[in-house]
Amino acid sequence: MTAKRLDQTFIKFDWIVAMVMIMGLALMIYDIAEKKLRYTEDRDNAK
C-alpha cells in the first residue's frame, strides 16, 4: 500500500466518522428539543 493510497483511505474514514458524529449530534438535539416541547405541552394541559 502506497502512502497516497493510505492517505485517501484515511480521508474517506474521517468523512464517515464526521458524518456519524454529525448525525449523532442531530439526533441528540432533536431528542432534547422534543422533550422540551412535550414538557411545555404537559404543563399547558395541566392548567
PDB file of N, CA and C in Angstrom:
ATOM      1  N   MET A   1       0.841  -1.203   0.000  1.00  0.00           N
ATOM      2  CA  MET A   1       0.000   0.000   0.000  1.00  0.00           C
ATOM      3  C   MET A   1       0.876   1.253   0.000  1.00  0.00           C
ATOM      4  N   THR A   2       0.688   2.084  -0.989  1.00  0.00           N
ATOM      5  CA  THR A   2       1.500   3.305  -1.078  1.00  0.00           C
ATOM      6  C   THR A   2       0.967   4.359  -0.114  1.00  0.00           C
ATOM      7  N   ALA A   3       1.782   5.367   0.142  1.00  0.00           N
ATOM      8  CA  ALA A   3       1.417   6.435   1.079  1.00  0.00           C
ATOM      9  C   ALA A   3       0.178   7.184   0.581  1.00  0.00           C
ATOM     10  N   LYS A   4       0.117   7.410  -0.742  1.00  0.00           N
ATOM     11  CA  LYS A   4      -1.019   8.155  -1.299  1.00  0.00           C
ATOM     12  C   LYS A   4      -2.318   7.366  -1.102  1.00  0.00           C
ATOM     13  N   ARG A   5      -2.265   6.060  -1.345  1.00  0.00           N
ATOM     14  CA  ARG A   5      -3.442   5.207  -1.193  1.00  0.00           C
ATOM     15  C   ARG A   5      -3.909   5.216   0.270  1.00  0.00           C
ATOM     16  N   LEU A   6      -2.964   5.135   1.189  1.00  0.00           N
ATOM     17  CA  LEU A   6      -3.255   5.145   2.618  1.00  0.00           C
ATOM     18  C   LEU A   6      -3.925   6.467   3.000  1.00  0.00           C
ATOM     19  N   ASP A   7      -3.413   7.555   2.443  1.00  0.00           N
ATOM     20  CA  ASP A   7      -3.946   8.890   2.715  1.00  0.00           C
ATOM     21  C   ASP A   7      -5.410   8.982   2.277  1.00  0.00           C
ATOM     22  N   GLN A   8      -5.704   8.470   1.091  1.00  0.00           N
ATOM     23  CA  GLN A   8      -7.081   8.508   0.581  1.00  0.00           C
ATOM     24  C   GLN A   8      -8.017   7.700   1.476  1.00  0.00           C
ATOM     25  N   THR A   9      -7.534   6.566   1.957  1.00  0.00           N
ATOM     26  CA  THR A   9      -8.344   5.725   2.839  1.00  0.00           C
ATOM     27  C   THR A   9      -8.650   6.468   4.129  1.00  0.00           C
ATOM     28  N   PHE A  10      -7.638   7.155   4.668  1.00  0.00           N
ATOM     29  CA  PHE A  10      -7.829   7.912   5.907  1.00  0.00           C
ATOM     30  C   PHE A  10      -8.832   9.043   5.713  1.00  0.00           C
ATOM     31  N   ILE A  11      -8.749   9.727   4.578  1.00  0.00           N
ATOM     32  CA  ILE A  11      -9.673  10.827   4.289  1.00  0.00           C
ATOM     33  C   ILE A  11     -11.106  10.280   4.239  1.00  0.00           C
ATOM     34  N   LYS A  12     -11.284   9.140   3.576  1.00  0.00           N
ATOM     35  CA  LYS A  12     -12.610   8.533   3.466  1.00  0.00           C
ATOM     36  C   LYS A  12     -13.125   8.143   4.850  1.00  0.00           C
ATOM     37  N   PHE A  13     -12.247   7.561   5.668  1.00  0.00           N
ATOM     38  CA  PHE A  13     -12.609   7.141   7.021  1.00  0.00           C
ATOM     39  C   PHE A  13     -13.001   8.349   7.868  1.00  0.00           C
ATOM     40  N   ASP A  14     -12.228   9.429   7.762  1.00  0.00           N
ATOM     41  CA  ASP A  14     -12.524  10.666   8.505  1.00  0.00           C
ATOM     42  C   ASP A  14     -13.903  11.196   8.125  1.00  0.00           C
ATOM     43  N   TRP A  15     -14.219  11.133   6.833  1.00  0.00           N
ATOM     44  CA  TRP A  15     -15.501  11.640   6.343  1.00  0.00           C
ATOM     45  C   TRP A  15     -16.653  10.835   6.944  1.00  0.00           C
ATOM     46  N   ILE A  16     -16.477   9.513   6.998  1.00  0.00           N
ATOM     47  CA  ILE A  16     -17.521   8.646   7.573  1.00  0.00           C
ATOM     48  C   ILE A  16     -17.696   8.961   9.049  1.00  0.00           C
ATOM     49  N   VAL A  17     -16.580   9.098   9.775  1.00  0.00           N
ATOM     50  CA  VAL A  17     -16.635   9.416  11.208  1.00  0.00           C
ATOM     51  C   VAL A  17     -17.339  10.753  11.417  1.00  0.00           C
ATOM     52  N   ALA A  18     -16.994  11.745  10.598  1.00  0.00           N
ATOM     53  CA  ALA A  18     -17.610  13.071  10.703  1.00  0.00           C
ATOM     54  C   ALA A  18     -19.118  12.972  10.472  1.00  0.00           C
ATOM     55  N   MET A  19     -19.526  12.200   9.471  1.00  0.00           N
ATOM     56  CA  MET A  19     -20.955  12.041   9.177  1.00  0.00           C
ATOM     57  C   MET A  19     -21.686  11.402  10.354  1.00  0.00           C
ATOM     58  N   VAL A  20     -21.093  10.355  10.924  1.00  0.00           N
ATOM     59  CA  VAL A  20     -21.709   9.663  12.059  1.00  0.00           C
ATOM     60  C   VAL A  20     -21.831  10.609  13.249  1.00  0.00           C
ATOM     61  N   MET A  21     -20.778  11.395  13.496  1.00  0.00           N
ATOM     62  CA  MET A  21     -20.803  12.340  14.616  1.00  0.00           C
ATOM     63  C   MET A  21     -21.888  13.390  14.421  1.00  0.00           C
ATOM     64  N   ILE A  22     -21.990  13.921  13.200  1.00  0.00           N
ATOM     65  CA  ILE A  22     -22.999  14.946  12.906  1.00  0.00           C
ATOM     66  C   ILE A  22     -24.403  14.359  13.085  1.00  0.00           C
ATOM     67  N   MET A  23     -24.602  13.127  12.605  1.00  0.00           N
ATOM     68  CA  MET A  23     -25.923  12.501  12.744  1.00  0.00           C
ATOM     69  C   MET A  23     -26.266  12.253  14.207  1.00  0.00           C
ATOM     70  N   GLY A  24     -25.274  11.817  14.974  1.00  0.00           N
ATOM     71  CA  GLY A  24     -25.486  11.587  16.399  1.00  0.00           C
ATOM     72  C   GLY A  24     -25.850  12.868  17.115  1.00  0.00           C
ATOM     73  N   LEU A  25     -25.140  13.934  16.775  1.00  0.00           N
ATOM     74  CA  LEU A  25     -25.394  15.243  17.383  1.00  0.00           C
ATOM     75  C   LEU A  25     -26.797  15.725  17.025  1.00  0.00           C
ATOM     76  N   ALA A  26     -27.174  15.567  15.762  1.00  0.00           N
ATOM     77  CA  ALA A  26     -28.504  15.990  15.309  1.00  0.00           C
ATOM     78  C   ALA A  26     -29.594  15.221  16.058  1.00  0.00           C
ATOM     79  N   LEU A  27     -29.385  13.918  16.247  1.00  0.00           N
ATOM     80  CA  LEU A  27     -30.366  13.104  16.974  1.00  0.00           C
ATOM     81  C   LEU A  27     -30.486  13.557  18.418  1.00  0.00           C
ATOM     82  N   MET A  28     -29.348  13.873  19.046  1.00  0.00           N
ATOM     83  CA  MET A  28     -29.364  14.346  20.431  1.00  0.00           C
ATOM     84  C   MET A  28     -30.135  15.654  20.550  1.00  0.00           C
ATOM     85  N   ILE A  29     -29.850  16.597  19.641  1.00  0.00           N
ATOM     86  CA  ILE A  29     -30.520  17.903  19.662  1.00  0.00           C
ATOM     87  C   ILE A  29     -32.024  17.709  19.451  1.00  0.00           C
ATOM     88  N   TYR A  30     -32.390  16.839  18.500  1.00  0.00           N
ATOM     89  CA  TYR A  30     -33.802  16.567  18.230  1.00  0.00           C
ATOM     90  C   TYR A  30     -34.489  15.974  19.455  1.00  0.00           C
ATOM     91  N   ASP A  31     -33.801  15.045  20.120  1.00  0.00           N
ATOM     92  CA  ASP A  31     -34.352  14.390  21.310  1.00  0.00           C
ATOM     93  C   ASP A  31     -34.599  15.409  22.416  1.00  0.00           C
ATOM     94  N   ILE A  32     -33.616  16.280  22.650  1.00  0.00           N
ATOM     95  CA  ILE A  32     -33.747  17.311  23.695  1.00  0.00           C
ATOM     96  C   ILE A  32     -34.895  18.263  23.348  1.00  0.00           C
ATOM     97  N   ALA A  33     -34.954  18.685  22.093  1.00  0.00           N
ATOM     98  CA  ALA A  33     -35.999  19.613  21.658  1.00  0.00           C
ATOM     99  C   ALA A  33     -37.380  18.982  21.831  1.00  0.00           C
ATOM    100  N   GLU A  34     -37.491  17.701  21.490  1.00  0.00           N
ATOM    101  CA  GLU A  34     -38.776  17.003  21.613  1.00  0.00           C
ATOM    102  C   GLU A  34     -39.196  16.903  23.077  1.00  0.00           C
ATOM    103  N   LYS A  35     -38.250  16.602  23.960  1.00  0.00           N
ATOM    104  CA  LYS A  35     -38.558  16.512  25.394  1.00  0.00           C
ATOM    105  C   LYS A  35     -39.029  17.860  25.929  1.00  0.00           C
ATOM    106  N   LYS A  36     -38.346  18.938  25.523  1.00  0.00           N
ATOM    107  CA  LYS A  36     -38.714  20.291  25.950  1.00  0.00           C
ATOM    108  C   LYS A  36     -40.129  20.615  25.493  1.00  0.00           C
ATOM    109  N   LEU A  37     -40.414  20.279  24.233  1.00  0.00           N
ATOM    110  CA  LEU A  37     -41.723  20.557  23.649  1.00  0.00           C
ATOM    111  C   LEU A  37     -42.806  19.785  24.404  1.00  0.00           C
ATOM    112  N   ARG A  38     -42.549  18.510  24.662  1.00  0.00           N
ATOM    113  CA  ARG A  38     -43.516  17.670  25.368  1.00  0.00           C
ATOM    114  C   ARG A  38     -43.735  18.200  26.783  1.00  0.00           C
ATOM    115  N   TYR A  39     -42.662  18.662  27.420  1.00  0.00           N
ATOM    116  CA  TYR A  39     -42.747  19.188  28.785  1.00  0.00           C
ATOM    117  C   TYR A  39     -43.636  20.430  28.826  1.00  0.00           C
ATOM    118  N   THR A  40     -43.437  21.345  27.874  1.00  0.00           N
ATOM    119  CA  THR A  40     -44.247  22.568  27.857  1.00  0.00           C
ATOM    120  C   THR A  40     -45.701  22.237  27.525  1.00  0.00           C
ATOM    121  N   GLU A  41     -45.929  21.265  26.645  1.00  0.00           N
ATOM    122  CA  GLU A  41     -47.302  20.861  26.311  1.00  0.00           C
ATOM    123  C   GLU A  41     -47.999  20.293  27.541  1.00  0.00           C
ATOM    124  N   ASP A  42     -47.299  19.444  28.290  1.00  0.00           N
ATOM    125  CA  ASP A  42     -47.872  18.848  29.503  1.00  0.00           C
ATOM    126  C   ASP A  42     -48.212  19.929  30.514  1.00  0.00           C
ATOM    127  N   ARG A  43     -47.342  20.912  30.647  1.00  0.00           N
ATOM    128  CA  ARG A  43     -47.560  21.993  31.605  1.00  0.00           C
ATOM    129  C   ARG A  43     -48.785  22.821  31.200  1.00  0.00           C
ATOM    130  N   ASP A  44     -48.923  23.065  29.904  1.00  0.00           N
ATOM    131  CA  ASP A  44     -50.079  23.833  29.420  1.00  0.00           C
ATOM    132  C   ASP A  44     -51.377  23.057  29.637  1.00  0.00           C
ATOM    133  N   ASN A  45     -51.328  21.749  29.438  1.00  0.00           N
ATOM    134  CA  ASN A  45     -52.526  20.918  29.607  1.00  0.00           C
ATOM    135  C   ASN A  45     -52.917  20.792  31.072  1.00  0.00           C
ATOM    136  N   ALA A  46     -51.944  20.942  31.963  1.00  0.00           N
ATOM    137  CA  ALA A  46     -52.203  20.775  33.397  1.00  0.00           C
ATOM    138  C   ALA A  46     -53.008  21.942  33.968  1.00  0.00           C
ATOM    139  N   LYS A  47     -52.946  23.095  33.298  1.00  0.00           N
ATOM    140  CA  LYS A  47     -53.650  24.282  33.813  1.00  0.00           C
ATOM    141  C   LYS A  47     -55.163  24.074  33.823  1.00  0.00           C
TER     142      LYS A  47
END
